[in-house]
């Protein structure tokens, strides 16, 4: 079964850290662009970070220098290391994967990811 499963969410205080994981099963995703997205209550889904098939990493302005995206081909897993967390980082975090030309044009645009989405993991940051 082809699926993405996120884990690692939780509750932390402002300034804390969390590491999210996205385990991919049922396929080899080395040719995919993969990204992390988040959705806060009452808001739309926004791109956080993405890594393209050639290893190029992209970050939203709001998380640049605090979050790091990485992928392990051996474990077929995508990671998001989140440091210096802020209350505004509170959201449901999702990972997604796609191979389309559209996603390569804008890897941080959620609407470009149509192939695979995970079920999400919640991150809550208190002040």
PDB file of N, CA and C in Angstrom:
ATOM      1  N   UNK A   1       0.852  -1.187   0.000  1.00  0.00           N
ATOM      2  CA  UNK A   1       0.000   0.000   0.000  1.00  0.00           C
ATOM      3  C   UNK A   1       0.886   1.233   0.000  1.00  0.00           C
ATOM      4  N   UNK A   2       0.599   2.164  -0.904  1.00  0.00           N
ATOM      5  CA  UNK A   2       1.365   3.392  -0.995  1.00  0.00           C
ATOM      6  C   UNK A   2       0.815   4.397  -0.003  1.00  0.00           C
ATOM      7  N   UNK A   3       1.650   4.832   0.920  1.00  0.00           N
ATOM      8  CA  UNK A   3       1.169   5.799   1.900  1.00  0.00           C
ATOM      9  C   UNK A   3       2.318   6.532   2.556  1.00  0.00           C
ATOM     10  N   UNK A   4       1.962   7.678   3.164  1.00  0.00           N
ATOM     11  CA  UNK A   4       2.887   8.475   3.959  1.00  0.00           C
ATOM     12  C   UNK A   4       2.325   8.541   5.365  1.00  0.00           C
ATOM     13  N   UNK A   5       3.170   8.328   6.360  1.00  0.00           N
ATOM     14  CA  UNK A   5       2.725   8.351   7.749  1.00  0.00           C
ATOM     15  C   UNK A   5       3.635   9.272   8.551  1.00  0.00           C
ATOM     16  N   UNK A   6       3.047  10.356   9.070  1.00  0.00           N
ATOM     17  CA  UNK A   6       3.804  11.311   9.874  1.00  0.00           C
ATOM     18  C   UNK A   6       3.805  10.900  11.355  1.00  0.00           C
ATOM     19  N   UNK A   7       4.841  11.323  12.046  1.00  0.00           N
ATOM     20  CA  UNK A   7       4.934  11.124  13.493  1.00  0.00           C
ATOM     21  C   UNK A   7       5.868  12.178  14.061  1.00  0.00           C
ATOM     22  N   UNK A   8       5.886  12.270  15.385  1.00  0.00           N
ATOM     23  CA  UNK A   8       6.815  13.177  16.056  1.00  0.00           C
ATOM     24  C   UNK A   8       6.211  14.461  16.572  1.00  0.00           C
ATOM     25  N   UNK A   9       4.939  14.690  16.302  1.00  0.00           N
ATOM     26  CA  UNK A   9       4.301  15.892  16.818  1.00  0.00           C
ATOM     27  C   UNK A   9       4.134  15.828  18.332  1.00  0.00           C
ATOM     28  N   UNK A  10       3.766  16.946  18.921  1.00  0.00           N
ATOM     29  CA  UNK A  10       3.564  16.988  20.361  1.00  0.00           C
ATOM     30  C   UNK A  10       3.424  18.407  20.839  1.00  0.00           C
ATOM     31  N   UNK A  11       3.505  18.572  22.148  1.00  0.00           N
ATOM     32  CA  UNK A  11       3.382  19.891  22.770  1.00  0.00           C
ATOM     33  C   UNK A  11       4.712  20.289  23.378  1.00  0.00           C
ATOM     34  N   UNK A  12       5.154  21.498  23.059  1.00  0.00           N
ATOM     35  CA  UNK A  12       6.414  22.019  23.589  1.00  0.00           C
ATOM     36  C   UNK A  12       6.223  23.480  23.965  1.00  0.00           C
ATOM     37  N   UNK A  13       7.149  23.979  24.752  1.00  0.00           N
ATOM     38  CA  UNK A  13       7.123  25.399  25.094  1.00  0.00           C
ATOM     39  C   UNK A  13       7.889  26.187  24.044  1.00  0.00           C
ATOM     40  N   UNK A  14       7.600  27.465  23.996  1.00  0.00           N
ATOM     41  CA  UNK A  14       8.289  28.351  23.065  1.00  0.00           C
ATOM     42  C   UNK A  14       9.800  28.227  23.252  1.00  0.00           C
ATOM     43  N   UNK A  15      10.507  28.128  22.133  1.00  0.00           N
ATOM     44  CA  UNK A  15      11.948  27.950  22.166  1.00  0.00           C
ATOM     45  C   UNK A  15      12.390  26.497  22.112  1.00  0.00           C
ATOM     46  N   UNK A  16      11.453  25.586  22.236  1.00  0.00           N
ATOM     47  CA  UNK A  16      11.770  24.166  22.221  1.00  0.00           C
ATOM     48  C   UNK A  16      11.961  23.622  20.810  1.00  0.00           C
ATOM     49  N   UNK A  17      12.192  22.316  20.751  1.00  0.00           N
ATOM     50  CA  UNK A  17      12.458  21.656  19.468  1.00  0.00           C
ATOM     51  C   UNK A  17      11.624  20.389  19.338  1.00  0.00           C
ATOM     52  N   UNK A  18      11.342  20.044  18.108  1.00  0.00           N
ATOM     53  CA  UNK A  18      10.685  18.785  17.773  1.00  0.00           C
ATOM     54  C   UNK A  18      11.252  18.298  16.442  1.00  0.00           C
ATOM     55  N   UNK A  19      11.211  16.990  16.251  1.00  0.00           N
ATOM     56  CA  UNK A  19      11.617  16.405  14.980  1.00  0.00           C
ATOM     57  C   UNK A  19      10.469  15.565  14.434  1.00  0.00           C
ATOM     58  N   UNK A  20       9.957  15.979  13.297  1.00  0.00           N
ATOM     59  CA  UNK A  20       8.889  15.244  12.645  1.00  0.00           C
ATOM     60  C   UNK A  20       9.476  14.241  11.655  1.00  0.00           C
ATOM     61  N   UNK A  21       8.794  13.115  11.519  1.00  0.00           N
ATOM     62  CA  UNK A  21       9.187  12.096  10.547  1.00  0.00           C
ATOM     63  C   UNK A  21       8.007  11.779   9.638  1.00  0.00           C
ATOM     64  N   UNK A  22       8.321  11.426   8.417  1.00  0.00           N
ATOM     65  CA  UNK A  22       7.307  11.011   7.450  1.00  0.00           C
ATOM     66  C   UNK A  22       7.818   9.745   6.779  1.00  0.00           C
ATOM     67  N   UNK A  23       7.244   8.623   7.165  1.00  0.00           N
ATOM     68  CA  UNK A  23       7.678   7.331   6.629  1.00  0.00           C
ATOM     69  C   UNK A  23       6.874   7.008   5.383  1.00  0.00           C
ATOM     70  N   UNK A  24       7.589   6.746   4.303  1.00  0.00           N
ATOM     71  CA  UNK A  24       6.945   6.407   3.036  1.00  0.00           C
ATOM     72  C   UNK A  24       6.989   4.900   2.834  1.00  0.00           C
ATOM     73  N   UNK A  25       5.901   4.342   2.409  1.00  0.00           N
ATOM     74  CA  UNK A  25       5.863   2.908   2.149  1.00  0.00           C
ATOM     75  C   UNK A  25       5.163   2.640   0.813  1.00  0.00           C
ATOM     76  N   UNK A  26       5.493   1.518   0.221  1.00  0.00           N
ATOM     77  CA  UNK A  26       4.824   1.108  -1.005  1.00  0.00           C
ATOM     78  C   UNK A  26       5.456   1.613  -2.287  1.00  0.00           C
ATOM     79  N   UNK A  27       6.493   2.451  -2.173  1.00  0.00           N
ATOM     80  CA  UNK A  27       7.161   2.941  -3.377  1.00  0.00           C
ATOM     81  C   UNK A  27       8.520   3.506  -2.981  1.00  0.00           C
ATOM     82  N   UNK A  28       9.352   3.748  -3.959  1.00  0.00           N
ATOM     83  CA  UNK A  28      10.642   4.395  -3.744  1.00  0.00           C
ATOM     84  C   UNK A  28      10.509   5.840  -4.206  1.00  0.00           C
ATOM     85  N   UNK A  29      10.716   6.754  -3.292  1.00  0.00           N
ATOM     86  CA  UNK A  29      10.372   8.138  -3.572  1.00  0.00           C
ATOM     87  C   UNK A  29      11.549   8.998  -3.992  1.00  0.00           C
ATOM     88  N   UNK A  30      12.650   8.387  -4.405  1.00  0.00           N
ATOM     89  CA  UNK A  30      13.841   9.158  -4.737  1.00  0.00           C
ATOM     90  C   UNK A  30      13.613  10.135  -5.887  1.00  0.00           C
ATOM     91  N   UNK A  31      12.662   9.852  -6.762  1.00  0.00           N
ATOM     92  CA  UNK A  31      12.402  10.746  -7.896  1.00  0.00           C
ATOM     93  C   UNK A  31      11.325  11.773  -7.584  1.00  0.00           C
ATOM     94  N   UNK A  32      10.825  11.776  -6.366  1.00  0.00           N
ATOM     95  CA  UNK A  32       9.741  12.668  -5.968  1.00  0.00           C
ATOM     96  C   UNK A  32      10.281  13.935  -5.321  1.00  0.00           C
ATOM     97  N   UNK A  33       9.523  14.986  -5.470  1.00  0.00           N
ATOM     98  CA  UNK A  33       9.696  16.160  -4.624  1.00  0.00           C
ATOM     99  C   UNK A  33       8.833  15.905  -3.385  1.00  0.00           C
ATOM    100  N   UNK A  34       9.379  16.178  -2.215  1.00  0.00           N
ATOM    101  CA  UNK A  34       8.630  15.954  -0.991  1.00  0.00           C
ATOM    102  C   UNK A  34       8.631  17.216  -0.153  1.00  0.00           C
ATOM    103  N   UNK A  35       7.534  17.442   0.520  1.00  0.00           N
ATOM    104  CA  UNK A  35       7.430  18.676   1.289  1.00  0.00           C
ATOM    105  C   UNK A  35       6.673  18.507   2.588  1.00  0.00           C
ATOM    106  N   UNK A  36       6.879  19.476   3.449  1.00  0.00           N
ATOM    107  CA  UNK A  36       6.129  19.606   4.703  1.00  0.00           C
ATOM    108  C   UNK A  36       5.220  20.823   4.596  1.00  0.00           C
ATOM    109  N   UNK A  37       3.988  20.647   5.037  1.00  0.00           N
ATOM    110  CA  UNK A  37       2.999  21.703   5.008  1.00  0.00           C
ATOM    111  C   UNK A  37       2.329  21.768   6.373  1.00  0.00           C
ATOM    112  N   UNK A  38       1.710  22.889   6.666  1.00  0.00           N
ATOM    113  CA  UNK A  38       1.000  22.995   7.939  1.00  0.00           C
ATOM    114  C   UNK A  38      -0.290  23.769   7.751  1.00  0.00           C
ATOM    115  N   UNK A  39      -1.217  23.461   8.653  1.00  0.00           N
ATOM    116  CA  UNK A  39      -2.502  24.144   8.625  1.00  0.00           C
ATOM    117  C   UNK A  39      -2.936  24.440  10.048  1.00  0.00           C
ATOM    118  N   UNK A  40      -3.008  25.721  10.362  1.00  0.00           N
ATOM    119  CA  UNK A  40      -3.478  26.161  11.665  1.00  0.00           C
ATOM    120  C   UNK A  40      -4.997  26.271  11.622  1.00  0.00           C
ATOM    121  N   UNK A  41      -5.656  26.199  12.785  1.00  0.00           N
ATOM    122  CA  UNK A  41      -7.115  26.301  12.823  1.00  0.00           C
ATOM    123  C   UNK A  41      -7.618  27.577  12.146  1.00  0.00           C
ATOM    124  N   UNK A  42      -8.539  27.413  11.219  1.00  0.00           N
ATOM    125  CA  UNK A  42      -9.127  28.561  10.544  1.00  0.00           C
ATOM    126  C   UNK A  42      -8.287  29.152   9.434  1.00  0.00           C
ATOM    127  N   UNK A  43      -7.176  28.516   9.115  1.00  0.00           N
ATOM    128  CA  UNK A  43      -6.286  29.039   8.073  1.00  0.00           C
ATOM    129  C   UNK A  43      -6.082  28.013   6.969  1.00  0.00           C
ATOM    130  N   UNK A  44      -5.555  28.472   5.852  1.00  0.00           N
ATOM    131  CA  UNK A  44      -5.271  27.584   4.746  1.00  0.00           C
ATOM    132  C   UNK A  44      -3.985  26.803   4.964  1.00  0.00           C
ATOM    133  N   UNK A  45      -3.751  25.836   4.101  1.00  0.00           N
ATOM    134  CA  UNK A  45      -2.550  25.017   4.207  1.00  0.00           C
ATOM    135  C   UNK A  45      -1.381  25.763   3.561  1.00  0.00           C
ATOM    136  N   UNK A  46      -0.280  25.889   4.290  1.00  0.00           N
ATOM    137  CA  UNK A  46       0.876  26.618   3.787  1.00  0.00           C
ATOM    138  C   UNK A  46       2.108  25.726   3.708  1.00  0.00           C
ATOM    139  N   UNK A  47       2.929  26.014   2.725  1.00  0.00           N
ATOM    140  CA  UNK A  47       4.164  25.274   2.575  1.00  0.00           C
ATOM    141  C   UNK A  47       5.200  25.708   3.602  1.00  0.00           C
ATOM    142  N   UNK A  48       5.883  24.752   4.186  1.00  0.00           N
ATOM    143  CA  UNK A  48       6.902  25.022   5.201  1.00  0.00           C
ATOM    144  C   UNK A  48       8.297  24.770   4.638  1.00  0.00           C
ATOM    145  N   UNK A  49       8.491  23.589   4.092  1.00  0.00           N
ATOM    146  CA  UNK A  49       9.796  23.220   3.543  1.00  0.00           C
ATOM    147  C   UNK A  49       9.608  22.114   2.517  1.00  0.00           C
ATOM    148  N   UNK A  50      10.518  22.067   1.564  1.00  0.00           N
ATOM    149  CA  UNK A  50      10.453  21.028   0.535  1.00  0.00           C
ATOM    150  C   UNK A  50      11.861  20.646   0.107  1.00  0.00           C
ATOM    151  N   UNK A  51      12.001  19.401  -0.322  1.00  0.00           N
ATOM    152  CA  UNK A  51      13.274  18.945  -0.866  1.00  0.00           C
ATOM    153  C   UNK A  51      12.982  18.282  -2.207  1.00  0.00           C
ATOM    154  N   UNK A  52      13.661  18.748  -3.223  1.00  0.00           N
ATOM    155  CA  UNK A  52      13.432  18.244  -4.566  1.00  0.00           C
ATOM    156  C   UNK A  52      14.224  16.952  -4.798  1.00  0.00           C
ATOM    157  N   UNK A  53      13.964  16.305  -5.907  1.00  0.00           N
ATOM    158  CA  UNK A  53      14.605  15.020  -6.188  1.00  0.00           C
ATOM    159  C   UNK A  53      16.122  15.155  -6.312  1.00  0.00           C
ATOM    160  N   UNK A  54      16.605  16.347  -6.663  1.00  0.00           N
ATOM    161  CA  UNK A  54      18.054  16.542  -6.768  1.00  0.00           C
ATOM    162  C   UNK A  54      18.666  17.014  -5.456  1.00  0.00           C
ATOM    163  N   UNK A  55      17.854  17.089  -4.396  1.00  0.00           N
ATOM    164  CA  UNK A  55      18.359  17.477  -3.079  1.00  0.00           C
ATOM    165  C   UNK A  55      18.225  18.950  -2.754  1.00  0.00           C
ATOM    166  N   UNK A  56      17.773  19.760  -3.686  1.00  0.00           N
ATOM    167  CA  UNK A  56      17.590  21.183  -3.421  1.00  0.00           C
ATOM    168  C   UNK A  56      16.522  21.380  -2.353  1.00  0.00           C
ATOM    169  N   UNK A  57      16.837  22.198  -1.370  1.00  0.00           N
ATOM    170  CA  UNK A  57      15.909  22.448  -0.258  1.00  0.00           C
ATOM    171  C   UNK A  57      15.337  23.856  -0.362  1.00  0.00           C
ATOM    172  N   UNK A  58      14.078  23.966  -0.028  1.00  0.00           N
ATOM    173  CA  UNK A  58      13.411  25.265  -0.036  1.00  0.00           C
ATOM    174  C   UNK A  58      12.641  25.432   1.264  1.00  0.00           C
ATOM    175  N   UNK A  59      12.602  26.667   1.756  1.00  0.00           N
ATOM    176  CA  UNK A  59      11.934  26.962   3.020  1.00  0.00           C
ATOM    177  C   UNK A  59      11.064  28.205   2.884  1.00  0.00           C
ATOM    178  N   UNK A  60      10.002  28.228   3.655  1.00  0.00           N
ATOM    179  CA  UNK A  60       9.220  29.452   3.724  1.00  0.00           C
ATOM    180  C   UNK A  60       9.998  30.469   4.557  1.00  0.00           C
ATOM    181  N   UNK A  61       9.709  31.722   4.349  1.00  0.00           N
ATOM    182  CA  UNK A  61      10.412  32.780   5.068  1.00  0.00           C
ATOM    183  C   UNK A  61      10.217  32.646   6.568  1.00  0.00           C
ATOM    184  N   UNK A  62       9.029  32.206   6.977  1.00  0.00           N
ATOM    185  CA  UNK A  62       8.699  32.158   8.405  1.00  0.00           C
ATOM    186  C   UNK A  62       9.481  31.096   9.175  1.00  0.00           C
ATOM    187  N   UNK A  63      10.048  30.109   8.487  1.00  0.00           N
ATOM    188  CA  UNK A  63      10.753  29.039   9.208  1.00  0.00           C
ATOM    189  C   UNK A  63      12.225  28.952   8.839  1.00  0.00           C
ATOM    190  N   UNK A  64      12.621  29.720   7.848  1.00  0.00           N
ATOM    191  CA  UNK A  64      14.020  29.656   7.407  1.00  0.00           C
ATOM    192  C   UNK A  64      14.941  29.962   8.585  1.00  0.00           C
ATOM    193  N   UNK A  65      16.019  29.236   8.706  1.00  0.00           N
ATOM    194  CA  UNK A  65      17.017  29.354   9.782  1.00  0.00           C
ATOM    195  C   UNK A  65      16.559  28.734  11.091  1.00  0.00           C
ATOM    196  N   UNK A  66      15.321  28.215  11.152  1.00  0.00           N
ATOM    197  CA  UNK A  66      14.857  27.518  12.352  1.00  0.00           C
ATOM    198  C   UNK A  66      14.535  26.050  12.068  1.00  0.00           C
ATOM    199  N   UNK A  67      14.042  25.773  10.875  1.00  0.00           N
ATOM    200  CA  UNK A  67      13.652  24.415  10.498  1.00  0.00           C
ATOM    201  C   UNK A  67      14.638  23.866   9.466  1.00  0.00           C
ATOM    202  N   UNK A  68      14.839  22.544   9.495  1.00  0.00           N
ATOM    203  CA  UNK A  68      15.685  21.880   8.511  1.00  0.00           C
ATOM    204  C   UNK A  68      14.980  20.640   7.984  1.00  0.00           C
ATOM    205  N   UNK A  69      14.856  20.559   6.673  1.00  0.00           N
ATOM    206  CA  UNK A  69      14.257  19.389   6.040  1.00  0.00           C
ATOM    207  C   UNK A  69      15.375  18.467   5.560  1.00  0.00           C
ATOM    208  N   UNK A  70      15.158  17.171   5.704  1.00  0.00           N
ATOM    209  CA  UNK A  70      16.134  16.198   5.229  1.00  0.00           C
ATOM    210  C   UNK A  70      15.405  14.920   4.853  1.00  0.00           C
ATOM    211  N   UNK A  71      16.093  14.060   4.121  1.00  0.00           N
ATOM    212  CA  UNK A  71      15.476  12.800   3.717  1.00  0.00           C
ATOM    213  C   UNK A  71      16.518  11.689   3.800  1.00  0.00           C
ATOM    214  N   UNK A  72      16.063  10.520   4.187  1.00  0.00           N
ATOM    215  CA  UNK A  72      16.922   9.337   4.223  1.00  0.00           C
ATOM    216  C   UNK A  72      16.414   8.378   3.159  1.00  0.00           C
ATOM    217  N   UNK A  73      17.221   8.170   2.128  1.00  0.00           N
ATOM    218  CA  UNK A  73      16.832   7.225   1.092  1.00  0.00           C
ATOM    219  C   UNK A  73      16.854   5.803   1.624  1.00  0.00           C
ATOM    220  N   UNK A  74      17.787   5.509   2.509  1.00  0.00           N
ATOM    221  CA  UNK A  74      17.891   4.161   3.077  1.00  0.00           C
ATOM    222  C   UNK A  74      16.650   3.802   3.880  1.00  0.00           C
ATOM    223  N   UNK A  75      16.116   4.788   4.617  1.00  0.00           N
ATOM    224  CA  UNK A  75      14.940   4.529   5.453  1.00  0.00           C
ATOM    225  C   UNK A  75      13.642   4.951   4.782  1.00  0.00           C
ATOM    226  N   UNK A  76      13.749   5.537   3.588  1.00  0.00           N
ATOM    227  CA  UNK A  76      12.554   5.996   2.872  1.00  0.00           C
ATOM    228  C   UNK A  76      11.731   6.936   3.750  1.00  0.00           C
ATOM    229  N   UNK A  77      12.432   7.853   4.408  1.00  0.00           N
ATOM    230  CA  UNK A  77      11.793   8.727   5.386  1.00  0.00           C
ATOM    231  C   UNK A  77      12.201  10.172   5.175  1.00  0.00           C
ATOM    232  N   UNK A  78      11.242  11.057   5.358  1.00  0.00           N
ATOM    233  CA  UNK A  78      11.442  12.496   5.302  1.00  0.00           C
ATOM    234  C   UNK A  78      11.390  13.044   6.715  1.00  0.00           C
ATOM    235  N   UNK A  79      12.254  14.011   7.013  1.00  0.00           N
ATOM    236  CA  UNK A  79      12.309  14.581   8.356  1.00  0.00           C
ATOM    237  C   UNK A  79      12.128  16.106   8.310  1.00  0.00           C
ATOM    238  N   UNK A  80      11.696  16.642   9.439  1.00  0.00           N
ATOM    239  CA  UNK A  80      11.668  18.084   9.623  1.00  0.00           C
ATOM    240  C   UNK A  80      12.134  18.373  11.047  1.00  0.00           C
ATOM    241  N   UNK A  81      13.342  18.898  11.172  1.00  0.00           N
ATOM    242  CA  UNK A  81      13.862  19.307  12.462  1.00  0.00           C
ATOM    243  C   UNK A  81      13.418  20.732  12.709  1.00  0.00           C
ATOM    244  N   UNK A  82      12.703  20.939  13.800  1.00  0.00           N
ATOM    245  CA  UNK A  82      12.152  22.255  14.111  1.00  0.00           C
ATOM    246  C   UNK A  82      12.776  22.757  15.406  1.00  0.00           C
ATOM    247  N   UNK A  83      13.518  23.840  15.326  1.00  0.00           N
ATOM    248  CA  UNK A  83      14.165  24.441  16.485  1.00  0.00           C
ATOM    249  C   UNK A  83      13.581  25.824  16.752  1.00  0.00           C
ATOM    250  N   UNK A  84      13.795  26.305  17.973  1.00  0.00           N
ATOM    251  CA  UNK A  84      13.317  27.630  18.366  1.00  0.00           C
ATOM    252  C   UNK A  84      11.842  27.810  17.976  1.00  0.00           C
ATOM    253  N   UNK A  85      11.033  26.864  18.387  1.00  0.00           N
ATOM    254  CA  UNK A  85       9.619  26.905  18.023  1.00  0.00           C
ATOM    255  C   UNK A  85       8.910  28.081  18.671  1.00  0.00           C
ATOM    256  N   UNK A  86       7.929  28.599  17.950  1.00  0.00           N
ATOM    257  CA  UNK A  86       7.159  29.753  18.403  1.00  0.00           C
ATOM    258  C   UNK A  86       5.679  29.383  18.447  1.00  0.00           C
ATOM    259  N   UNK A  87       4.886  30.089  19.240  1.00  0.00           N
ATOM    260  CA  UNK A  87       3.449  29.779  19.298  1.00  0.00           C
ATOM    261  C   UNK A  87       2.782  29.811  17.919  1.00  0.00           C
ATOM    262  N   UNK A  88       3.258  30.665  17.020  1.00  0.00           N
ATOM    263  CA  UNK A  88       2.663  30.737  15.685  1.00  0.00           C
ATOM    264  C   UNK A  88       3.004  29.535  14.806  1.00  0.00           C
ATOM    265  N   UNK A  89       3.866  28.647  15.302  1.00  0.00           N
ATOM    266  CA  UNK A  89       4.147  27.396  14.589  1.00  0.00           C
ATOM    267  C   UNK A  89       3.101  26.325  14.895  1.00  0.00           C
ATOM    268  N   UNK A  90       2.214  26.606  15.829  1.00  0.00           N
ATOM    269  CA  UNK A  90       1.171  25.651  16.194  1.00  0.00           C
ATOM    270  C   UNK A  90       0.284  25.361  14.988  1.00  0.00           C
ATOM    271  N   UNK A  91       0.180  24.075  14.634  1.00  0.00           N
ATOM    272  CA  UNK A  91      -0.595  23.671  13.456  1.00  0.00           C
ATOM    273  C   UNK A  91      -0.559  22.154  13.323  1.00  0.00           C
ATOM    274  N   UNK A  92      -1.392  21.661  12.423  1.00  0.00           N
ATOM    275  CA  UNK A  92      -1.274  20.269  11.989  1.00  0.00           C
ATOM    276  C   UNK A  92      -0.258  20.259  10.852  1.00  0.00           C
ATOM    277  N   UNK A  93       0.718  19.370  10.964  1.00  0.00           N
ATOM    278  CA  UNK A  93       1.775  19.288   9.964  1.00  0.00           C
ATOM    279  C   UNK A  93       1.579  18.044   9.095  1.00  0.00           C
ATOM    280  N   UNK A  94       1.691  18.243   7.790  1.00  0.00           N
ATOM    281  CA  UNK A  94       1.485  17.169   6.825  1.00  0.00           C
ATOM    282  C   UNK A  94       2.724  17.041   5.937  1.00  0.00           C
ATOM    283  N   UNK A  95       2.994  15.818   5.492  1.00  0.00           N
ATOM    284  CA  UNK A  95       3.993  15.648   4.450  1.00  0.00           C
ATOM    285  C   UNK A  95       3.274  15.236   3.171  1.00  0.00           C
ATOM    286  N   UNK A  96       3.903  15.524   2.044  1.00  0.00           N
ATOM    287  CA  UNK A  96       3.318  15.230   0.751  1.00  0.00           C
ATOM    288  C   UNK A  96       4.421  14.908  -0.247  1.00  0.00           C
ATOM    289  N   UNK A  97       4.055  14.185  -1.294  1.00  0.00           N
ATOM    290  CA  UNK A  97       5.009  13.795  -2.328  1.00  0.00           C
ATOM    291  C   UNK A  97       4.351  13.874  -3.700  1.00  0.00           C
ATOM    292  N   UNK A  98       5.137  14.305  -4.683  1.00  0.00           N
ATOM    293  CA  UNK A  98       4.619  14.408  -6.045  1.00  0.00           C
ATOM    294  C   UNK A  98       5.785  14.448  -7.026  1.00  0.00           C
ATOM    295  N   UNK A  99       5.498  14.047  -8.280  1.00  0.00           N
ATOM    296  CA  UNK A  99       6.543  14.040  -9.320  1.00  0.00           C
ATOM    297  C   UNK A  99       6.215  14.965 -10.492  1.00  0.00           C
ATOM    298  N   UNK A 100       5.129  15.708 -10.380  1.00  0.00           N
ATOM    299  CA  UNK A 100       4.667  16.468 -11.541  1.00  0.00           C
ATOM    300  C   UNK A 100       5.551  17.664 -11.857  1.00  0.00           C
ATOM    301  N   UNK A 101       5.506  18.139 -13.100  1.00  0.00           N
ATOM    302  CA  UNK A 101       6.237  19.368 -13.450  1.00  0.00           C
ATOM    303  C   UNK A 101       5.785  20.561 -12.619  1.00  0.00           C
ATOM    304  N   UNK A 102       4.502  20.602 -12.264  1.00  0.00           N
ATOM    305  CA  UNK A 102       3.987  21.730 -11.482  1.00  0.00           C
ATOM    306  C   UNK A 102       4.672  21.832 -10.134  1.00  0.00           C
ATOM    307  N   UNK A 103       4.886  20.712  -9.486  1.00  0.00           N
ATOM    308  CA  UNK A 103       5.476  20.774  -8.155  1.00  0.00           C
ATOM    309  C   UNK A 103       6.935  21.185  -8.243  1.00  0.00           C
ATOM    310  N   UNK A 104       7.591  20.859  -9.348  1.00  0.00           N
ATOM    311  CA  UNK A 104       8.995  21.283  -9.506  1.00  0.00           C
ATOM    312  C   UNK A 104       9.079  22.796  -9.728  1.00  0.00           C
ATOM    313  N   UNK A 105       8.023  23.392 -10.272  1.00  0.00           N
ATOM    314  CA  UNK A 105       8.025  24.847 -10.463  1.00  0.00           C
ATOM    315  C   UNK A 105       7.854  25.589  -9.150  1.00  0.00           C
ATOM    316  N   UNK A 106       7.050  25.047  -8.252  1.00  0.00           N
ATOM    317  CA  UNK A 106       6.803  25.695  -6.968  1.00  0.00           C
ATOM    318  C   UNK A 106       6.626  24.623  -5.905  1.00  0.00           C
ATOM    319  N   UNK A 107       7.713  24.129  -5.338  1.00  0.00           N
ATOM    320  CA  UNK A 107       7.655  23.025  -4.368  1.00  0.00           C
ATOM    321  C   UNK A 107       6.958  23.373  -3.059  1.00  0.00           C
ATOM    322  N   UNK A 108       6.722  24.643  -2.789  1.00  0.00           N
ATOM    323  CA  UNK A 108       6.086  25.021  -1.530  1.00  0.00           C
ATOM    324  C   UNK A 108       4.592  25.331  -1.694  1.00  0.00           C
ATOM    325  N   UNK A 109       4.069  25.062  -2.865  1.00  0.00           N
ATOM    326  CA  UNK A 109       2.643  25.315  -3.093  1.00  0.00           C
ATOM    327  C   UNK A 109       1.872  24.027  -2.868  1.00  0.00           C
ATOM    328  N   UNK A 110       1.036  23.996  -1.859  1.00  0.00           N
ATOM    329  CA  UNK A 110       0.335  22.770  -1.478  1.00  0.00           C
ATOM    330  C   UNK A 110      -0.539  22.221  -2.606  1.00  0.00           C
ATOM    331  N   UNK A 111      -1.135  23.123  -3.375  1.00  0.00           N
ATOM    332  CA  UNK A 111      -2.054  22.687  -4.438  1.00  0.00           C
ATOM    333  C   UNK A 111      -1.347  21.892  -5.540  1.00  0.00           C
ATOM    334  N   UNK A 112      -0.028  22.001  -5.618  1.00  0.00           N
ATOM    335  CA  UNK A 112       0.726  21.272  -6.639  1.00  0.00           C
ATOM    336  C   UNK A 112       0.944  19.805  -6.272  1.00  0.00           C
ATOM    337  N   UNK A 113       0.696  19.453  -5.030  1.00  0.00           N
ATOM    338  CA  UNK A 113       0.903  18.076  -4.572  1.00  0.00           C
ATOM    339  C   UNK A 113      -0.420  17.325  -4.667  1.00  0.00           C
ATOM    340  N   UNK A 114      -0.512  16.410  -5.605  1.00  0.00           N
ATOM    341  CA  UNK A 114      -1.776  15.690  -5.804  1.00  0.00           C
ATOM    342  C   UNK A 114      -1.628  14.184  -5.661  1.00  0.00           C
ATOM    343  N   UNK A 115      -0.404  13.682  -5.611  1.00  0.00           N
ATOM    344  CA  UNK A 115      -0.218  12.225  -5.587  1.00  0.00           C
ATOM    345  C   UNK A 115      -0.408  11.629  -4.195  1.00  0.00           C
ATOM    346  N   UNK A 116       0.329  12.157  -3.219  1.00  0.00           N
ATOM    347  CA  UNK A 116       0.304  11.534  -1.898  1.00  0.00           C
ATOM    348  C   UNK A 116       0.328  12.576  -0.801  1.00  0.00           C
ATOM    349  N   UNK A 117      -0.503  12.359   0.202  1.00  0.00           N
ATOM    350  CA  UNK A 117      -0.515  13.165   1.430  1.00  0.00           C
ATOM    351  C   UNK A 117      -0.597  12.236   2.627  1.00  0.00           C
ATOM    352  N   UNK A 118       0.058  12.622   3.710  1.00  0.00           N
ATOM    353  CA  UNK A 118      -0.090  11.904   4.950  1.00  0.00           C
ATOM    354  C   UNK A 118      -1.302  12.393   5.716  1.00  0.00           C
ATOM    355  N   UNK A 119      -1.522  11.783   6.892  1.00  0.00           N
ATOM    356  CA  UNK A 119      -2.718  12.113   7.680  1.00  0.00           C
ATOM    357  C   UNK A 119      -2.477  13.268   8.647  1.00  0.00           C
ATOM    358  N   UNK A 120      -1.210  13.642   8.835  1.00  0.00           N
ATOM    359  CA  UNK A 120      -0.888  14.788   9.680  1.00  0.00           C
ATOM    360  C   UNK A 120      -0.473  14.419  11.089  1.00  0.00           C
ATOM    361  N   UNK A 121       0.318  15.306  11.690  1.00  0.00           N
ATOM    362  CA  UNK A 121       0.710  15.185  13.090  1.00  0.00           C
ATOM    363  C   UNK A 121       0.649  16.577  13.702  1.00  0.00           C
ATOM    364  N   UNK A 122       0.078  16.667  14.902  1.00  0.00           N
ATOM    365  CA  UNK A 122      -0.192  17.968  15.508  1.00  0.00           C
ATOM    366  C   UNK A 122       1.008  18.490  16.294  1.00  0.00           C
ATOM    367  N   UNK A 123       1.310  19.767  16.097  1.00  0.00           N
ATOM    368  CA  UNK A 123       2.357  20.441  16.853  1.00  0.00           C
ATOM    369  C   UNK A 123       1.719  21.616  17.589  1.00  0.00           C
ATOM    370  N   UNK A 124       1.923  21.656  18.910  1.00  0.00           N
ATOM    371  CA  UNK A 124       1.389  22.736  19.732  1.00  0.00           C
ATOM    372  C   UNK A 124       2.530  23.388  20.490  1.00  0.00           C
ATOM    373  N   UNK A 125       2.673  24.698  20.314  1.00  0.00           N
ATOM    374  CA  UNK A 125       3.732  25.439  20.986  1.00  0.00           C
ATOM    375  C   UNK A 125       3.093  26.451  21.920  1.00  0.00           C
ATOM    376  N   UNK A 126       3.410  26.362  23.194  1.00  0.00           N
ATOM    377  CA  UNK A 126       2.848  27.277  24.187  1.00  0.00           C
ATOM    378  C   UNK A 126       3.871  28.350  24.556  1.00  0.00           C
ATOM    379  N   UNK A 127       3.341  29.510  24.908  1.00  0.00           N
ATOM    380  CA  UNK A 127       4.234  30.634  25.245  1.00  0.00           C
ATOM    381  C   UNK A 127       4.630  30.613  26.705  1.00  0.00           C
TER     382      UNK A 127
END
